[in-house]
Amino acid sequence: SGLGLLGYTISPADAQALPVLLSSVAAGVGG
């Protein structure tokens, strides 16, 4: 939603992959 307000769009496929990507990034940063 925030990106949409800034003029960016996320495809449905990207939206499905984003939670996995974010949790992987969070795990990496935590490590």
PDB file of all heavy atoms in Angstrom:
ATOM      1  N   SER A   1       0.826  -1.207   0.000  1.00  0.00           N
ATOM      2  CA  SER A   1       0.000   0.000   0.000  1.00  0.00           C
ATOM      3  C   SER A   1       0.859   1.255   0.000  1.00  0.00           C
ATOM      4  O   SER A   1       0.580   2.221  -0.722  1.00  0.00           O
ATOM      5  CB  SER A   1      -0.911   0.019   1.225  1.00  0.00           C
ATOM      6  OG  SER A   1      -1.819  -1.037   1.174  1.00  0.00           O
ATOM      7  N   GLY A   2       1.899   1.240   0.814  1.00  0.00           N
ATOM      8  CA  GLY A   2       2.797   2.392   0.876  1.00  0.00           C
ATOM      9  C   GLY A   2       3.493   2.641  -0.452  1.00  0.00           C
ATOM     10  O   GLY A   2       3.604   3.782  -0.912  1.00  0.00           O
ATOM     11  N   LEU A   3       3.933   1.568  -1.086  1.00  0.00           N
ATOM     12  CA  LEU A   3       4.572   1.715  -2.393  1.00  0.00           C
ATOM     13  C   LEU A   3       3.574   2.203  -3.440  1.00  0.00           C
ATOM     14  O   LEU A   3       3.921   2.983  -4.323  1.00  0.00           O
ATOM     15  CB  LEU A   3       5.209   0.391  -2.831  1.00  0.00           C
ATOM     16  CG  LEU A   3       6.450  -0.036  -2.046  1.00  0.00           C
ATOM     17  CD1 LEU A   3       6.904  -1.425  -2.484  1.00  0.00           C
ATOM     18  CD2 LEU A   3       7.576   0.967  -2.209  1.00  0.00           C
ATOM     19  N   GLY A   4       2.335   1.739  -3.321  1.00  0.00           N
ATOM     20  CA  GLY A   4       1.297   2.198  -4.245  1.00  0.00           C
ATOM     21  C   GLY A   4       1.062   3.695  -4.129  1.00  0.00           C
ATOM     22  O   GLY A   4       0.860   4.382  -5.126  1.00  0.00           O
ATOM     23  N   LEU A   5       1.109   4.195  -2.902  1.00  0.00           N
ATOM     24  CA  LEU A   5       0.946   5.631  -2.692  1.00  0.00           C
ATOM     25  C   LEU A   5       2.102   6.431  -3.292  1.00  0.00           C
ATOM     26  O   LEU A   5       1.939   7.590  -3.676  1.00  0.00           O
ATOM     27  CB  LEU A   5       0.839   5.946  -1.200  1.00  0.00           C
ATOM     28  CG  LEU A   5      -0.434   5.476  -0.510  1.00  0.00           C
ATOM     29  CD1 LEU A   5      -0.333   5.694   0.993  1.00  0.00           C
ATOM     30  CD2 LEU A   5      -1.650   6.206  -1.070  1.00  0.00           C
ATOM     31  N   LEU A   6       3.265   5.788  -3.374  1.00  0.00           N
ATOM     32  CA  LEU A   6       4.438   6.449  -3.939  1.00  0.00           C
ATOM     33  C   LEU A   6       4.543   6.259  -5.448  1.00  0.00           C
ATOM     34  O   LEU A   6       5.501   6.712  -6.062  1.00  0.00           O
ATOM     35  CB  LEU A   6       5.707   5.922  -3.269  1.00  0.00           C
ATOM     36  CG  LEU A   6       5.832   6.210  -1.771  1.00  0.00           C
ATOM     37  CD1 LEU A   6       7.046   5.510  -1.201  1.00  0.00           C
ATOM     38  CD2 LEU A   6       5.917   7.713  -1.523  1.00  0.00           C
ATOM     39  N   GLY A   7       3.566   5.566  -6.030  1.00  0.00           N
ATOM     40  CA  GLY A   7       3.550   5.398  -7.483  1.00  0.00           C
ATOM     41  C   GLY A   7       4.132   4.090  -7.981  1.00  0.00           C
ATOM     42  O   GLY A   7       4.223   3.865  -9.181  1.00  0.00           O
ATOM     43  N   TYR A   8       4.550   3.202  -7.073  1.00  0.00           N
ATOM     44  CA  TYR A   8       5.083   1.903  -7.477  1.00  0.00           C
ATOM     45  C   TYR A   8       3.965   0.874  -7.460  1.00  0.00           C
ATOM     46  O   TYR A   8       3.006   0.999  -6.708  1.00  0.00           O
ATOM     47  CB  TYR A   8       6.185   1.452  -6.516  1.00  0.00           C
ATOM     48  CG  TYR A   8       7.394   2.340  -6.526  1.00  0.00           C
ATOM     49  CD1 TYR A   8       7.558   3.316  -5.553  1.00  0.00           C
ATOM     50  CD2 TYR A   8       8.366   2.210  -7.502  1.00  0.00           C
ATOM     51  CE1 TYR A   8       8.664   4.148  -5.547  1.00  0.00           C
ATOM     52  CE2 TYR A   8       9.480   3.032  -7.514  1.00  0.00           C
ATOM     53  CZ  TYR A   8       9.619   3.991  -6.535  1.00  0.00           C
ATOM     54  OH  TYR A   8      10.719   4.804  -6.529  1.00  0.00           O
ATOM     55  N   THR A   9       4.105  -0.152  -8.260  1.00  0.00           N
ATOM     56  CA  THR A   9       3.127  -1.241  -8.254  1.00  0.00           C
ATOM     57  C   THR A   9       3.836  -2.561  -7.997  1.00  0.00           C
ATOM     58  O   THR A   9       4.996  -2.736  -8.367  1.00  0.00           O
ATOM     59  CB  THR A   9       2.373  -1.337  -9.592  1.00  0.00           C
ATOM     60  OG1 THR A   9       3.309  -1.539 -10.644  1.00  0.00           O
ATOM     61  CG2 THR A   9       1.566  -0.078  -9.862  1.00  0.00           C
ATOM     62  N   ILE A  10       3.128  -3.470  -7.354  1.00  0.00           N
ATOM     63  CA  ILE A  10       3.644  -4.807  -7.079  1.00  0.00           C
ATOM     64  C   ILE A  10       2.712  -5.793  -7.759  1.00  0.00           C
ATOM     65  O   ILE A  10       1.505  -5.755  -7.549  1.00  0.00           O
ATOM     66  CB  ILE A  10       3.682  -5.085  -5.561  1.00  0.00           C
ATOM     67  CG1 ILE A  10       4.642  -4.114  -4.870  1.00  0.00           C
ATOM     68  CG2 ILE A  10       4.103  -6.513  -5.286  1.00  0.00           C
ATOM     69  CD1 ILE A  10       4.667  -4.261  -3.364  1.00  0.00           C
ATOM     70  N   SER A  11       3.293  -6.683  -8.561  1.00  0.00           N
ATOM     71  CA  SER A  11       2.470  -7.691  -9.239  1.00  0.00           C
ATOM     72  C   SER A  11       1.984  -8.708  -8.209  1.00  0.00           C
ATOM     73  O   SER A  11       2.579  -8.858  -7.138  1.00  0.00           O
ATOM     74  CB  SER A  11       3.290  -8.393 -10.323  1.00  0.00           C
ATOM     75  OG  SER A  11       4.254  -9.247  -9.734  1.00  0.00           O
ATOM     76  N   PRO A  12       0.917  -9.431  -8.522  1.00  0.00           N
ATOM     77  CA  PRO A  12       0.436 -10.457  -7.588  1.00  0.00           C
ATOM     78  C   PRO A  12       1.497 -11.514  -7.271  1.00  0.00           C
ATOM     79  O   PRO A  12       1.596 -11.980  -6.141  1.00  0.00           O
ATOM     80  CB  PRO A  12      -0.758 -11.077  -8.323  1.00  0.00           C
ATOM     81  CG  PRO A  12      -1.251  -9.979  -9.212  1.00  0.00           C
ATOM     82  CD  PRO A  12      -0.009  -9.235  -9.636  1.00  0.00           C
ATOM     83  N   ALA A  13       2.321 -11.868  -8.263  1.00  0.00           N
ATOM     84  CA  ALA A  13       3.379 -12.854  -8.022  1.00  0.00           C
ATOM     85  C   ALA A  13       4.416 -12.301  -7.052  1.00  0.00           C
ATOM     86  O   ALA A  13       4.881 -13.005  -6.152  1.00  0.00           O
ATOM     87  CB  ALA A  13       4.047 -13.243  -9.335  1.00  0.00           C
ATOM     88  N   ASP A  14       4.778 -11.032  -7.214  1.00  0.00           N
ATOM     89  CA  ASP A  14       5.725 -10.409  -6.292  1.00  0.00           C
ATOM     90  C   ASP A  14       5.134 -10.302  -4.894  1.00  0.00           C
ATOM     91  O   ASP A  14       5.833 -10.492  -3.904  1.00  0.00           O
ATOM     92  CB  ASP A  14       6.130  -9.015  -6.780  1.00  0.00           C
ATOM     93  CG  ASP A  14       7.008  -9.061  -8.012  1.00  0.00           C
ATOM     94  OD1 ASP A  14       7.624 -10.120  -8.280  1.00  0.00           O
ATOM     95  OD2 ASP A  14       7.070  -8.033  -8.721  1.00  0.00           O
ATOM     96  N   ALA A  15       3.854  -9.991  -4.811  1.00  0.00           N
ATOM     97  CA  ALA A  15       3.191  -9.870  -3.506  1.00  0.00           C
ATOM     98  C   ALA A  15       3.193 -11.208  -2.776  1.00  0.00           C
ATOM     99  O   ALA A  15       3.330 -11.250  -1.551  1.00  0.00           O
ATOM    100  CB  ALA A  15       1.768  -9.362  -3.679  1.00  0.00           C
ATOM    101  N   GLN A  16       3.066 -12.320  -3.510  1.00  0.00           N
ATOM    102  CA  GLN A  16       3.101 -13.644  -2.892  1.00  0.00           C
ATOM    103  C   GLN A  16       4.502 -13.990  -2.413  1.00  0.00           C
ATOM    104  O   GLN A  16       4.668 -14.642  -1.397  1.00  0.00           O
ATOM    105  CB  GLN A  16       2.636 -14.715  -3.870  1.00  0.00           C
ATOM    106  CG  GLN A  16       1.147 -14.896  -3.899  1.00  0.00           C
ATOM    107  CD  GLN A  16       0.773 -16.104  -4.727  1.00  0.00           C
ATOM    108  OE1 GLN A  16       1.333 -16.330  -5.801  1.00  0.00           O
ATOM    109  NE2 GLN A  16      -0.173 -16.866  -4.249  1.00  0.00           N
ATOM    110  N   ALA A  17       5.529 -13.574  -3.143  1.00  0.00           N
ATOM    111  CA  ALA A  17       6.908 -13.900  -2.790  1.00  0.00           C
ATOM    112  C   ALA A  17       7.470 -12.980  -1.715  1.00  0.00           C
ATOM    113  O   ALA A  17       8.428 -13.333  -1.037  1.00  0.00           O
ATOM    114  CB  ALA A  17       7.784 -13.849  -4.034  1.00  0.00           C
ATOM    115  N   LEU A  18       6.892 -11.817  -1.538  1.00  0.00           N
ATOM    116  CA  LEU A  18       7.437 -10.822  -0.624  1.00  0.00           C
ATOM    117  C   LEU A  18       7.511 -11.278   0.833  1.00  0.00           C
ATOM    118  O   LEU A  18       8.529 -11.041   1.487  1.00  0.00           O
ATOM    119  CB  LEU A  18       6.645  -9.513  -0.746  1.00  0.00           C
ATOM    120  CG  LEU A  18       7.289  -8.268  -0.180  1.00  0.00           C
ATOM    121  CD1 LEU A  18       8.674  -8.036  -0.766  1.00  0.00           C
ATOM    122  CD2 LEU A  18       6.412  -7.057  -0.431  1.00  0.00           C
ATOM    123  N   PRO A  19       6.516 -11.970   1.402  1.00  0.00           N
ATOM    124  CA  PRO A  19       6.652 -12.416   2.798  1.00  0.00           C
ATOM    125  C   PRO A  19       7.847 -13.346   3.007  1.00  0.00           C
ATOM    126  O   PRO A  19       8.549 -13.237   4.009  1.00  0.00           O
ATOM    127  CB  PRO A  19       5.339 -13.146   3.092  1.00  0.00           C
ATOM    128  CG  PRO A  19       4.369 -12.573   2.136  1.00  0.00           C
ATOM    129  CD  PRO A  19       5.159 -12.232   0.903  1.00  0.00           C
ATOM    130  N   VAL A  20       8.089 -14.225   2.060  1.00  0.00           N
ATOM    131  CA  VAL A  20       9.230 -15.136   2.172  1.00  0.00           C
ATOM    132  C   VAL A  20      10.532 -14.342   2.092  1.00  0.00           C
ATOM    133  O   VAL A  20      11.465 -14.562   2.871  1.00  0.00           O
ATOM    134  CB  VAL A  20       9.176 -16.224   1.076  1.00  0.00           C
ATOM    135  CG1 VAL A  20      10.418 -17.093   1.103  1.00  0.00           C
ATOM    136  CG2 VAL A  20       7.927 -17.071   1.236  1.00  0.00           C
ATOM    137  N   LEU A  21      10.591 -13.396   1.171  1.00  0.00           N
ATOM    138  CA  LEU A  21      11.781 -12.561   1.025  1.00  0.00           C
ATOM    139  C   LEU A  21      12.026 -11.743   2.295  1.00  0.00           C
ATOM    140  O   LEU A  21      13.148 -11.699   2.809  1.00  0.00           O
ATOM    141  CB  LEU A  21      11.636 -11.630  -0.178  1.00  0.00           C
ATOM    142  CG  LEU A  21      12.752 -10.605  -0.364  1.00  0.00           C
ATOM    143  CD1 LEU A  21      14.068 -11.297  -0.673  1.00  0.00           C
ATOM    144  CD2 LEU A  21      12.391  -9.621  -1.464  1.00  0.00           C
ATOM    145  N   LEU A  22      10.988 -11.112   2.820  1.00  0.00           N
ATOM    146  CA  LEU A  22      11.144 -10.295   4.026  1.00  0.00           C
ATOM    147  C   LEU A  22      11.570 -11.124   5.227  1.00  0.00           C
ATOM    148  O   LEU A  22      12.428 -10.695   6.007  1.00  0.00           O
ATOM    149  CB  LEU A  22       9.836  -9.553   4.334  1.00  0.00           C
ATOM    150  CG  LEU A  22       9.437  -8.451   3.358  1.00  0.00           C
ATOM    151  CD1 LEU A  22       8.070  -7.900   3.715  1.00  0.00           C
ATOM    152  CD2 LEU A  22      10.470  -7.347   3.332  1.00  0.00           C
ATOM    153  N   SER A  23      11.000 -12.311   5.385  1.00  0.00           N
ATOM    154  CA  SER A  23      11.395 -13.148   6.522  1.00  0.00           C
ATOM    155  C   SER A  23      12.827 -13.648   6.358  1.00  0.00           C
ATOM    156  O   SER A  23      13.565 -13.759   7.335  1.00  0.00           O
ATOM    157  CB  SER A  23      10.427 -14.313   6.720  1.00  0.00           C
ATOM    158  OG  SER A  23      10.445 -15.180   5.612  1.00  0.00           O
ATOM    159  N   SER A  24      13.253 -13.913   5.129  1.00  0.00           N
ATOM    160  CA  SER A  24      14.633 -14.324   4.885  1.00  0.00           C
ATOM    161  C   SER A  24      15.601 -13.187   5.189  1.00  0.00           C
ATOM    162  O   SER A  24      16.645 -13.401   5.800  1.00  0.00           O
ATOM    163  CB  SER A  24      14.815 -14.775   3.431  1.00  0.00           C
ATOM    164  OG  SER A  24      14.033 -15.903   3.164  1.00  0.00           O
ATOM    165  N   VAL A  25      15.251 -11.987   4.773  1.00  0.00           N
ATOM    166  CA  VAL A  25      16.093 -10.824   5.071  1.00  0.00           C
ATOM    167  C   VAL A  25      16.161 -10.602   6.580  1.00  0.00           C
ATOM    168  O   VAL A  25      17.241 -10.355   7.134  1.00  0.00           O
ATOM    169  CB  VAL A  25      15.575  -9.569   4.335  1.00  0.00           C
ATOM    170  CG1 VAL A  25      16.248  -8.314   4.842  1.00  0.00           C
ATOM    171  CG2 VAL A  25      15.776  -9.718   2.832  1.00  0.00           C
ATOM    172  N   ALA A  26      15.033 -10.708   7.259  1.00  0.00           N
ATOM    173  CA  ALA A  26      15.012 -10.522   8.713  1.00  0.00           C
ATOM    174  C   ALA A  26      15.873 -11.577   9.409  1.00  0.00           C
ATOM    175  O   ALA A  26      16.609 -11.266  10.353  1.00  0.00           O
ATOM    176  CB  ALA A  26      13.581 -10.579   9.231  1.00  0.00           C
ATOM    177  N   ALA A  27      15.814 -12.813   8.944  1.00  0.00           N
ATOM    178  CA  ALA A  27      16.639 -13.876   9.530  1.00  0.00           C
ATOM    179  C   ALA A  27      18.118 -13.600   9.294  1.00  0.00           C
ATOM    180  O   ALA A  27      18.942 -13.784  10.195  1.00  0.00           O
ATOM    181  CB  ALA A  27      16.250 -15.224   8.941  1.00  0.00           C
ATOM    182  N   GLY A  28      18.457 -13.148   8.103  1.00  0.00           N
ATOM    183  CA  GLY A  28      19.851 -12.827   7.802  1.00  0.00           C
ATOM    184  C   GLY A  28      20.368 -11.681   8.653  1.00  0.00           C
ATOM    185  O   GLY A  28      21.470 -11.742   9.206  1.00  0.00           O
ATOM    186  N   VAL A  29      19.574 -10.631   8.783  1.00  0.00           N
ATOM    187  CA  VAL A  29      19.977  -9.486   9.609  1.00  0.00           C
ATOM    188  C   VAL A  29      20.107  -9.923  11.067  1.00  0.00           C
ATOM    189  O   VAL A  29      21.068  -9.543  11.757  1.00  0.00           O
ATOM    190  CB  VAL A  29      18.972  -8.325   9.468  1.00  0.00           C
ATOM    191  CG1 VAL A  29      19.206  -7.253  10.514  1.00  0.00           C
ATOM    192  CG2 VAL A  29      19.047  -7.737   8.069  1.00  0.00           C
ATOM    193  N   GLY A  30      19.184 -10.740  11.539  1.00  0.00           N
ATOM    194  CA  GLY A  30      19.262 -11.243  12.917  1.00  0.00           C
ATOM    195  C   GLY A  30      20.526 -12.059  13.149  1.00  0.00           C
ATOM    196  O   GLY A  30      21.175 -11.932  14.190  1.00  0.00           O
ATOM    197  N   GLY A  31      20.902 -12.879  12.189  1.00  0.00           N
ATOM    198  CA  GLY A  31      22.126 -13.668  12.299  1.00  0.00           C
ATOM    199  C   GLY A  31      23.366 -12.787  12.349  1.00  0.00           C
ATOM    200  O   GLY A  31      24.270 -13.008  13.160  1.00  0.00           O
TER     201      GLY A  31
END
